């Protein structure tokens, strides 16, 4: 039975935890295309294709680069994490800018900043599911609505 994308991304992250060199090289990628010149994201891409995952390569590269930023896993959704605290960890304006992004490179840049503000601790399952849909018109709208709802339900914006 083929593995789901969430499981593949978690396994890829675990491999990066064991291979600090690959992780460091991926962390330096500023564009999804930068990851094309590295072996480790190609292993992830190959595993995704073997599992029958039909997500655009650019979005899979974004997942690989962002997974390298992650130092620890959480259970909360990413948008919920962004909203947590007396003052949201990710400002309302920064969150809105993130949701306006549509291109892989723009989303990579915005989420990299967001992950840093979350102390490099996120839910990889949420990342995989969200980015898999972000690259599809109807899926992007659905994901952005889900994130927006979660953020504003949990944010203390008084």
Protein backbone atom coordinates (compact mmCIF):
# COMPACT_ATOMS: atom_id res chain seq x y z
CA UNK A 1 0.00 0.00 0.00
CA UNK A 2 1.31 3.45 -0.91
CA UNK A 3 2.26 5.81 1.88
CA UNK A 4 0.38 9.11 2.24
CA UNK A 5 2.23 12.36 1.63
CA UNK A 6 2.12 13.25 5.34
CA UNK A 7 4.00 10.07 6.23
CA UNK A 8 6.54 10.58 3.43
CA UNK A 9 7.28 14.13 4.56
CA UNK A 10 7.70 13.03 8.17
CA UNK A 11 10.10 10.26 7.11
CA UNK A 12 12.01 12.76 4.96
CA UNK A 13 12.28 15.11 7.96
CA UNK A 14 13.58 12.22 10.10
CA UNK A 15 16.22 11.49 7.45
CA UNK A 16 17.27 15.15 7.54
CA UNK A 17 17.59 14.91 11.32
CA UNK A 18 20.13 12.12 10.77
CA UNK A 19 21.96 13.89 7.93
CA UNK A 20 22.81 17.41 9.09
CA UNK A 21 24.71 18.16 5.86
CA UNK A 22 21.62 17.62 3.68
CA UNK A 23 19.57 19.61 6.15
CA UNK A 24 22.01 22.53 6.09
CA UNK A 25 22.11 22.59 2.29
CA UNK A 26 18.32 22.61 2.10
CA UNK A 27 18.09 25.37 4.70
CA UNK A 28 20.14 27.58 2.42
CA UNK A 29 17.66 27.24 -0.46
CA UNK A 30 15.81 30.50 -1.09
CA UNK A 31 13.72 29.33 -4.06
CA UNK A 32 12.12 25.95 -4.78
CA UNK A 33 14.39 25.72 -7.83
CA UNK A 34 17.48 25.87 -5.58
CA UNK A 35 16.48 22.46 -4.17
CA UNK A 36 16.61 20.94 -7.66
CA UNK A 37 20.40 20.88 -7.43
CA UNK A 38 20.45 18.74 -4.28
CA UNK A 39 20.07 14.97 -3.96
CA UNK A 40 17.95 14.76 -0.81
CA UNK A 41 14.82 16.50 -2.14
CA UNK A 42 14.99 14.30 -5.22
CA UNK A 43 14.75 11.24 -2.99
CA UNK A 44 11.61 12.76 -1.44
CA UNK A 45 10.24 13.57 -4.91
CA UNK A 46 10.94 10.02 -6.14
CA UNK A 47 9.22 8.51 -3.09
CA UNK A 48 6.20 10.75 -3.64
CA UNK A 49 5.96 9.74 -7.31
CA UNK A 50 6.36 6.04 -6.43
CA UNK A 51 3.51 6.44 -3.91
CA UNK A 52 1.32 7.95 -6.64
CA UNK A 53 1.23 11.42 -5.08
CA UNK A 54 0.05 13.91 -7.69
CA UNK A 55 1.41 17.21 -6.37
CA UNK A 56 3.33 19.65 -8.56
CA UNK A 57 7.12 19.25 -8.21
CA UNK A 58 7.54 22.91 -7.17
CA UNK A 59 5.22 22.39 -4.20
CA UNK A 60 7.02 19.18 -3.22
CA UNK A 61 10.30 21.12 -3.28
CA UNK A 62 8.74 23.80 -1.07
CA UNK A 63 7.76 21.05 1.39
CA UNK A 64 11.30 19.66 1.36
CA UNK A 65 12.92 23.06 1.95
CA UNK A 66 10.49 23.93 4.74
CA UNK A 67 10.91 20.51 6.39
CA UNK A 68 14.60 21.33 6.71
CA UNK A 69 13.69 24.42 8.75
CA UNK A 70 11.77 22.36 11.31
CA UNK A 71 13.53 21.40 14.52
CA UNK A 72 10.62 19.80 16.41
CA UNK A 73 7.11 18.57 15.63
CA UNK A 74 3.86 19.75 17.20
CA UNK A 75 0.27 18.56 17.10
CA UNK A 76 -1.45 21.94 16.66
CA UNK A 77 -2.26 23.21 13.19
CA UNK A 78 0.14 25.81 11.81
CA UNK A 79 -2.41 28.64 11.70
CA UNK A 80 -3.44 27.90 15.29
CA UNK A 81 0.20 28.05 16.37
CA UNK A 82 0.62 31.37 14.56
CA UNK A 83 -2.29 32.81 16.55
CA UNK A 84 -1.18 31.60 19.98
CA UNK A 85 -0.03 33.87 22.76
CA UNK A 86 -1.12 37.02 24.49
CA UNK A 87 -0.14 38.68 21.24
CA UNK A 88 -0.19 36.35 18.16
CA UNK A 89 3.21 34.88 17.39
CA UNK A 90 2.64 35.84 13.76
CA UNK A 91 1.08 39.27 13.39
CA UNK A 92 -2.28 39.64 11.69
CA UNK A 93 -0.64 41.64 8.87
CA UNK A 94 2.07 39.00 8.27
CA UNK A 95 -0.58 36.25 8.36
CA UNK A 96 -2.70 38.12 5.79
CA UNK A 97 0.35 38.55 3.53
CA UNK A 98 1.00 34.81 3.75
CA UNK A 99 -2.54 34.00 2.68
CA UNK A 100 -2.26 36.34 -0.32
CA UNK A 101 0.65 34.34 -1.73
CA UNK A 102 -0.02 31.92 -4.58
CA UNK A 103 3.34 31.10 -6.14
CA UNK A 104 5.59 28.43 -4.62
CA UNK A 105 8.55 30.81 -4.15
CA UNK A 106 6.35 33.42 -2.44
CA UNK A 107 4.75 30.84 -0.14
CA UNK A 108 8.19 29.41 0.66
CA UNK A 109 9.47 32.83 1.68
CA UNK A 110 6.41 33.69 3.79
CA UNK A 111 6.21 30.29 5.51
CA UNK A 112 9.94 30.22 6.20
CA UNK A 113 9.50 33.47 8.15
CA UNK A 114 6.40 32.09 9.88
CA UNK A 115 8.16 28.88 10.90
CA UNK A 116 11.02 30.89 12.36
CA UNK A 117 8.50 32.86 14.46
CA UNK A 118 7.14 29.51 15.68
CA UNK A 119 10.63 28.59 16.95
CA UNK A 120 10.98 26.12 14.07
CA UNK A 121 8.33 23.86 15.62
CA UNK A 122 5.35 22.94 13.41
CA UNK A 123 2.94 20.19 12.48
CA UNK A 124 4.44 18.53 9.37
CA UNK A 125 1.17 16.77 8.58
CA UNK A 126 -0.60 20.12 8.37
CA UNK A 127 2.23 21.49 6.24
CA UNK A 128 2.04 18.58 3.77
CA UNK A 129 -1.76 18.63 3.49
CA UNK A 130 -1.90 22.41 3.17
CA UNK A 131 0.82 22.79 0.55
CA UNK A 132 -0.50 19.86 -1.49
CA UNK A 133 -3.73 21.84 -1.90
CA UNK A 134 -2.19 25.33 -2.06
CA UNK A 135 -0.97 24.63 -5.58
CA UNK A 136 -4.49 23.86 -6.85
CA UNK A 137 -6.96 26.71 -7.32
CA UNK A 138 -9.88 25.19 -5.42
CA UNK A 139 -7.51 23.68 -2.86
CA UNK A 140 -5.77 26.98 -2.20
CA UNK A 141 -9.08 28.63 -1.40
CA UNK A 142 -10.07 25.76 0.89
CA UNK A 143 -6.71 25.79 2.68
CA UNK A 144 -6.65 29.56 3.08
CA UNK A 145 -10.19 29.50 4.49
CA UNK A 146 -9.24 26.73 6.94
CA UNK A 147 -6.10 28.58 8.05
CA UNK A 148 -7.93 31.90 8.31
CA UNK A 149 -10.71 30.38 10.41
CA UNK A 150 -8.22 28.70 12.73
CA UNK A 151 -6.06 31.80 13.11
CA UNK A 152 -8.90 34.16 13.93
CA UNK A 153 -10.57 31.68 16.29
CA UNK A 154 -7.38 31.40 18.34
CA UNK A 155 -5.88 34.90 18.03
CA UNK A 156 -6.09 37.42 20.84
CA UNK A 157 -6.50 40.57 18.73
CA UNK A 158 -7.85 43.02 21.31
